[in-house]
Amino acid sequence: MSRLKLLFLFVITECLVFTTVNSNVNEEVLVVVIAPTDDSTIYTGIQIALDVLKEYNISSLIKFEFRFDEDNEGLAVKHIVDILKENRRIFAVVGSQRSACSMALGHLLKHYSIPQISPNSASPLLSDKEQFPFFLRMTNSALERNAVRIALLKYFGWKRVFVVTQGIEYFYDI
């Protein structure tokens, strides 16, 4: 995992701790981390943040639960549904890494008013606040990236380009 993603996890953890401190939460706060695989740097980023913030004496109130979606939308949603079925309150969801998984999660999480924060999901469809009112991203939308791509095409005078992408509308609204 890049240093930027490690910093992202640190900042997210700090924000969650700050929110917990300022809302006088006295019960355990559950943050679910949806990741594609078991990546030890995710644990490292969260542990660094919790170590720095031990001075608030609330690190025992924040519980991170890691679930691995293996890049499968159905599995990502199943993880959240399983936790909700146990009547456990989810404070926030960090993830998923892919737009398709984030969209599937976003459709579910909006019904429970659970914030979702993703470091990588770039689909412009996730910018629709009516469909995904609790979704936050830590990367640019693909629409912003497309402007750069088009500028490169024009600069080099290319008339035809072959684009390989997954089945999400990345070139939506151009």
C-alpha atoms as a PDB file:
ATOM      1  CA  MET A   1       0.000   0.000   0.000  1.00  0.00           C
ATOM      2  CA  SER A   2       1.315   3.437  -0.845  1.00  0.00           C
ATOM      3  CA  ARG A   3       2.259   6.036   1.747  1.00  0.00           C
ATOM      4  CA  LEU A   4      -0.701   8.105   0.542  1.00  0.00           C
ATOM      5  CA  LYS A   5      -3.140   5.331   1.412  1.00  0.00           C
ATOM      6  CA  LEU A   6      -1.446   4.843   4.767  1.00  0.00           C
ATOM      7  CA  LEU A   7      -1.861   8.575   5.413  1.00  0.00           C
ATOM      8  CA  PHE A   8      -5.496   8.294   4.311  1.00  0.00           C
ATOM      9  CA  LEU A   9      -6.164   5.613   6.914  1.00  0.00           C
ATOM     10  CA  PHE A  10      -4.403   7.670   9.558  1.00  0.00           C
ATOM     11  CA  VAL A  11      -6.510  10.753   8.756  1.00  0.00           C
ATOM     12  CA  ILE A  12      -9.748   8.764   8.657  1.00  0.00           C
ATOM     13  CA  THR A  13      -8.966   7.213  12.018  1.00  0.00           C
ATOM     14  CA  GLU A  14      -8.195  10.635  13.480  1.00  0.00           C
ATOM     15  CA  CYS A  15     -11.477  12.015  12.134  1.00  0.00           C
ATOM     16  CA  LEU A  16     -13.406   9.116  13.611  1.00  0.00           C
ATOM     17  CA  VAL A  17     -11.714   9.579  16.961  1.00  0.00           C
ATOM     18  CA  PHE A  18     -12.332  13.348  16.864  1.00  0.00           C
ATOM     19  CA  THR A  19     -16.004  12.776  16.061  1.00  0.00           C
ATOM     20  CA  THR A  20     -16.272  10.233  18.851  1.00  0.00           C
ATOM     21  CA  VAL A  21     -14.655  12.600  21.375  1.00  0.00           C
ATOM     22  CA  ASN A  22     -16.825  15.550  20.389  1.00  0.00           C
ATOM     23  CA  SER A  23     -20.099  13.619  20.371  1.00  0.00           C
ATOM     24  CA  ASN A  24     -19.575  12.264  23.908  1.00  0.00           C
ATOM     25  CA  VAL A  25     -20.009   8.691  22.781  1.00  0.00           C
ATOM     26  CA  ASN A  26     -19.646   6.360  25.733  1.00  0.00           C
ATOM     27  CA  GLU A  27     -20.347   3.122  23.910  1.00  0.00           C
ATOM     28  CA  GLU A  28     -18.165   1.134  21.573  1.00  0.00           C
ATOM     29  CA  VAL A  29     -17.948   2.570  18.061  1.00  0.00           C
ATOM     30  CA  LEU A  30     -17.662   0.024  15.244  1.00  0.00           C
ATOM     31  CA  VAL A  31     -15.820   0.976  12.067  1.00  0.00           C
ATOM     32  CA  VAL A  32     -15.942  -1.674   9.361  1.00  0.00           C
ATOM     33  CA  VAL A  33     -13.018  -1.771   6.943  1.00  0.00           C
ATOM     34  CA  ILE A  34     -13.845  -3.463   3.637  1.00  0.00           C
ATOM     35  CA  ALA A  35     -10.651  -4.420   1.836  1.00  0.00           C
ATOM     36  CA  PRO A  36     -10.000  -6.652  -1.174  1.00  0.00           C
ATOM     37  CA  THR A  37      -7.424  -8.810   0.657  1.00  0.00           C
ATOM     38  CA  ASP A  38      -5.667  -9.119   3.981  1.00  0.00           C
ATOM     39  CA  ASP A  39      -3.227  -6.207   3.633  1.00  0.00           C
ATOM     40  CA  SER A  40      -1.080  -5.645   6.712  1.00  0.00           C
ATOM     41  CA  THR A  41      -0.466  -1.969   5.853  1.00  0.00           C
ATOM     42  CA  ILE A  42      -4.145  -1.264   6.498  1.00  0.00           C
ATOM     43  CA  TYR A  43      -3.654  -2.537  10.041  1.00  0.00           C
ATOM     44  CA  THR A  44      -0.464  -0.493  10.353  1.00  0.00           C
ATOM     45  CA  GLY A  45      -2.154   2.756   9.316  1.00  0.00           C
ATOM     46  CA  ILE A  46      -4.971   2.303  11.784  1.00  0.00           C
ATOM     47  CA  GLN A  47      -2.645   1.239  14.590  1.00  0.00           C
ATOM     48  CA  ILE A  48      -0.402   4.300  14.078  1.00  0.00           C
ATOM     49  CA  ALA A  49      -3.419   6.584  14.321  1.00  0.00           C
ATOM     50  CA  LEU A  50      -4.726   4.882  17.451  1.00  0.00           C
ATOM     51  CA  ASP A  51      -1.285   5.033  19.107  1.00  0.00           C
ATOM     52  CA  VAL A  52      -1.018   8.765  18.433  1.00  0.00           C
ATOM     53  CA  LEU A  53      -4.515   9.372  19.769  1.00  0.00           C
ATOM     54  CA  LYS A  54      -4.261   7.345  22.987  1.00  0.00           C
ATOM     55  CA  GLU A  55      -4.051  10.634  24.893  1.00  0.00           C
ATOM     56  CA  TYR A  56      -7.831  10.990  24.470  1.00  0.00           C
ATOM     57  CA  ASN A  57      -8.368   7.783  26.463  1.00  0.00           C
ATOM     58  CA  ILE A  58     -10.972   6.542  24.037  1.00  0.00           C
ATOM     59  CA  SER A  59      -9.018   4.061  21.945  1.00  0.00           C
ATOM     60  CA  SER A  60     -10.899   1.326  23.787  1.00  0.00           C
ATOM     61  CA  LEU A  61     -14.171   2.740  22.456  1.00  0.00           C
ATOM     62  CA  ILE A  62     -13.223   2.410  18.789  1.00  0.00           C
ATOM     63  CA  LYS A  63     -13.268  -1.064  17.314  1.00  0.00           C
ATOM     64  CA  PHE A  64     -12.115  -1.733  13.766  1.00  0.00           C
ATOM     65  CA  GLU A  65     -13.508  -4.835  12.157  1.00  0.00           C
ATOM     66  CA  PHE A  66     -11.834  -5.984   8.957  1.00  0.00           C
ATOM     67  CA  ARG A  67     -13.791  -7.808   6.282  1.00  0.00           C
ATOM     68  CA  PHE A  68     -12.390  -8.899   2.939  1.00  0.00           C
ATOM     69  CA  ASP A  69     -14.580  -8.573  -0.145  1.00  0.00           C
ATOM     70  CA  GLU A  70     -12.186 -10.228  -2.621  1.00  0.00           C
ATOM     71  CA  ASP A  71     -13.373  -7.591  -5.166  1.00  0.00           C
ATOM     72  CA  ASN A  72     -16.877  -9.065  -5.029  1.00  0.00           C
ATOM     73  CA  GLU A  73     -19.827  -6.684  -4.590  1.00  0.00           C
ATOM     74  CA  GLY A  74     -22.105  -9.382  -3.190  1.00  0.00           C
ATOM     75  CA  LEU A  75     -19.577 -10.391  -0.566  1.00  0.00           C
ATOM     76  CA  ALA A  76     -19.014  -6.764   0.478  1.00  0.00           C
ATOM     77  CA  VAL A  77     -22.754  -6.238   0.985  1.00  0.00           C
ATOM     78  CA  LYS A  78     -23.094  -9.588   2.771  1.00  0.00           C
ATOM     79  CA  HIS A  79     -20.463  -8.547   5.321  1.00  0.00           C
ATOM     80  CA  ILE A  80     -22.424  -5.410   6.229  1.00  0.00           C
ATOM     81  CA  VAL A  81     -25.772  -7.226   6.297  1.00  0.00           C
ATOM     82  CA  ASP A  82     -24.301  -9.871   8.613  1.00  0.00           C
ATOM     83  CA  ILE A  83     -23.152  -7.188  11.058  1.00  0.00           C
ATOM     84  CA  LEU A  84     -26.491  -5.356  10.902  1.00  0.00           C
ATOM     85  CA  LYS A  85     -28.380  -8.628  11.513  1.00  0.00           C
ATOM     86  CA  GLU A  86     -26.468  -8.932  14.787  1.00  0.00           C
ATOM     87  CA  ASN A  87     -27.977  -5.543  15.769  1.00  0.00           C
ATOM     88  CA  ARG A  88     -24.528  -3.984  15.974  1.00  0.00           C
ATOM     89  CA  ARG A  89     -24.334  -0.255  15.275  1.00  0.00           C
ATOM     90  CA  ILE A  90     -21.870   0.639  12.520  1.00  0.00           C
ATOM     91  CA  PHE A  91     -20.340   4.095  12.929  1.00  0.00           C
ATOM     92  CA  ALA A  92     -18.663   4.155   9.478  1.00  0.00           C
ATOM     93  CA  VAL A  93     -17.459   1.949   6.646  1.00  0.00           C
ATOM     94  CA  VAL A  94     -14.016   2.421   5.126  1.00  0.00           C
ATOM     95  CA  GLY A  95     -13.974   0.959   1.615  1.00  0.00           C
ATOM     96  CA  SER A  96     -14.357  -0.553  -0.790  1.00  0.00           C
ATOM     97  CA  GLN A  97     -11.393  -0.106  -3.099  1.00  0.00           C
ATOM     98  CA  ARG A  98     -13.430  -0.601  -6.295  1.00  0.00           C
ATOM     99  CA  SER A  99     -16.247   1.575  -7.570  1.00  0.00           C
ATOM    100  CA  ALA A 100     -18.582  -1.354  -8.231  1.00  0.00           C
ATOM    101  CA  CYS A 101     -18.252  -2.579  -4.636  1.00  0.00           C
ATOM    102  CA  SER A 102     -18.597   0.970  -3.290  1.00  0.00           C
ATOM    103  CA  MET A 103     -21.810   1.463  -5.279  1.00  0.00           C
ATOM    104  CA  ALA A 104     -23.290  -1.782  -3.969  1.00  0.00           C
ATOM    105  CA  LEU A 105     -22.369  -0.789  -0.409  1.00  0.00           C
ATOM    106  CA  GLY A 106     -23.585   2.781  -0.923  1.00  0.00           C
ATOM    107  CA  HIS A 107     -27.050   1.624  -1.960  1.00  0.00           C
ATOM    108  CA  LEU A 108     -27.317  -0.347   1.287  1.00  0.00           C
ATOM    109  CA  LEU A 109     -25.629   2.105   3.658  1.00  0.00           C
ATOM    110  CA  LYS A 110     -27.810   5.077   2.706  1.00  0.00           C
ATOM    111  CA  HIS A 111     -30.806   3.323   4.272  1.00  0.00           C
ATOM    112  CA  TYR A 112     -28.965   3.220   7.605  1.00  0.00           C
ATOM    113  CA  SER A 113     -27.323   6.682   7.330  1.00  0.00           C
ATOM    114  CA  ILE A 114     -23.876   5.117   7.635  1.00  0.00           C
ATOM    115  CA  PRO A 115     -20.983   7.143   6.179  1.00  0.00           C
ATOM    116  CA  GLN A 116     -18.784   5.370   3.661  1.00  0.00           C
ATOM    117  CA  ILE A 117     -15.249   6.516   2.844  1.00  0.00           C
ATOM    118  CA  SER A 118     -13.319   5.087  -0.097  1.00  0.00           C
ATOM    119  CA  PRO A 119      -9.690   5.685  -1.018  1.00  0.00           C
ATOM    120  CA  ASN A 120      -9.938   4.481  -4.644  1.00  0.00           C
ATOM    121  CA  SER A 121     -13.482   4.476  -6.033  1.00  0.00           C
ATOM    122  CA  ALA A 122     -13.442   6.866  -8.994  1.00  0.00           C
ATOM    123  CA  SER A 123     -16.734   6.278 -10.800  1.00  0.00           C
ATOM    124  CA  PRO A 124     -18.511   9.582 -11.489  1.00  0.00           C
ATOM    125  CA  LEU A 125     -21.788   7.856 -10.637  1.00  0.00           C
ATOM    126  CA  LEU A 126     -20.720   7.918  -6.977  1.00  0.00           C
ATOM    127  CA  SER A 127     -20.852  11.735  -7.092  1.00  0.00           C
ATOM    128  CA  ASP A 128     -24.657  11.607  -7.254  1.00  0.00           C
ATOM    129  CA  LYS A 129     -25.608  12.653  -3.722  1.00  0.00           C
ATOM    130  CA  GLU A 130     -29.202  11.525  -4.191  1.00  0.00           C
ATOM    131  CA  GLN A 131     -28.097   7.943  -4.820  1.00  0.00           C
ATOM    132  CA  PHE A 132     -25.049   7.995  -2.525  1.00  0.00           C
ATOM    133  CA  PRO A 133     -25.687  10.669   0.132  1.00  0.00           C
ATOM    134  CA  PHE A 134     -23.194   9.214   2.640  1.00  0.00           C
ATOM    135  CA  PHE A 135     -20.357   8.394   0.234  1.00  0.00           C
ATOM    136  CA  LEU A 136     -17.036  10.226   0.481  1.00  0.00           C
ATOM    137  CA  ARG A 137     -14.044   9.605  -1.737  1.00  0.00           C
ATOM    138  CA  MET A 138     -10.358  10.303  -1.264  1.00  0.00           C
ATOM    139  CA  THR A 139      -9.557  10.311  -4.981  1.00  0.00           C
ATOM    140  CA  ASN A 140     -10.694  12.309  -7.976  1.00  0.00           C
ATOM    141  CA  SER A 141     -13.732  11.298  -9.939  1.00  0.00           C
ATOM    142  CA  ALA A 142     -12.951   9.690 -13.286  1.00  0.00           C
ATOM    143  CA  LEU A 143     -14.589  12.710 -14.944  1.00  0.00           C
ATOM    144  CA  GLU A 144     -11.740  14.874 -13.694  1.00  0.00           C
ATOM    145  CA  ARG A 145      -9.234  12.330 -14.928  1.00  0.00           C
ATOM    146  CA  ASN A 146     -10.931  12.216 -18.322  1.00  0.00           C
ATOM    147  CA  ALA A 147     -10.234  15.894 -18.973  1.00  0.00           C
ATOM    148  CA  VAL A 148      -6.518  15.112 -18.680  1.00  0.00           C
ATOM    149  CA  ARG A 149      -6.844  12.097 -20.953  1.00  0.00           C
ATOM    150  CA  ILE A 150      -8.641  14.131 -23.602  1.00  0.00           C
ATOM    151  CA  ALA A 151      -6.005  16.877 -23.406  1.00  0.00           C
ATOM    152  CA  LEU A 152      -3.307  14.251 -24.043  1.00  0.00           C
ATOM    153  CA  LEU A 153      -5.196  12.866 -27.018  1.00  0.00           C
ATOM    154  CA  LYS A 154      -5.500  16.344 -28.505  1.00  0.00           C
ATOM    155  CA  TYR A 155      -1.878  17.208 -27.763  1.00  0.00           C
ATOM    156  CA  PHE A 156      -0.568  14.142 -29.606  1.00  0.00           C
ATOM    157  CA  GLY A 157      -3.136  14.516 -32.379  1.00  0.00           C
ATOM    158  CA  TRP A 158      -4.472  11.011 -31.950  1.00  0.00           C
ATOM    159  CA  LYS A 159      -7.705  10.436 -33.860  1.00  0.00           C
ATOM    160  CA  ARG A 160      -8.466   6.910 -32.668  1.00  0.00           C
ATOM    161  CA  VAL A 161      -7.924   5.314 -29.302  1.00  0.00           C
ATOM    162  CA  PHE A 162      -8.759   1.879 -27.981  1.00  0.00           C
ATOM    163  CA  VAL A 163      -9.993   2.001 -24.381  1.00  0.00           C
ATOM    164  CA  VAL A 164     -10.021  -1.068 -22.158  1.00  0.00           C
ATOM    165  CA  THR A 165     -12.064  -0.644 -18.994  1.00  0.00           C
ATOM    166  CA  GLN A 166     -14.421  -2.510 -16.712  1.00  0.00           C
ATOM    167  CA  GLY A 167     -18.192  -2.391 -17.168  1.00  0.00           C
ATOM    168  CA  ILE A 168     -18.739   0.895 -15.326  1.00  0.00           C
ATOM    169  CA  GLU A 169     -19.437   4.085 -17.216  1.00  0.00           C
ATOM    170  CA  TYR A 170     -16.089   5.815 -16.680  1.00  0.00           C
ATOM    171  CA  PHE A 171     -16.588   8.104 -19.660  1.00  0.00           C
ATOM    172  CA  TYR A 172     -20.015   9.072 -18.446  1.00  0.00           C
ATOM    173  CA  ASP A 173     -21.109  12.618 -19.272  1.00  0.00           C
ATOM    174  CA  ILE A 174     -18.273  13.585 -21.669  1.00  0.00           C
END
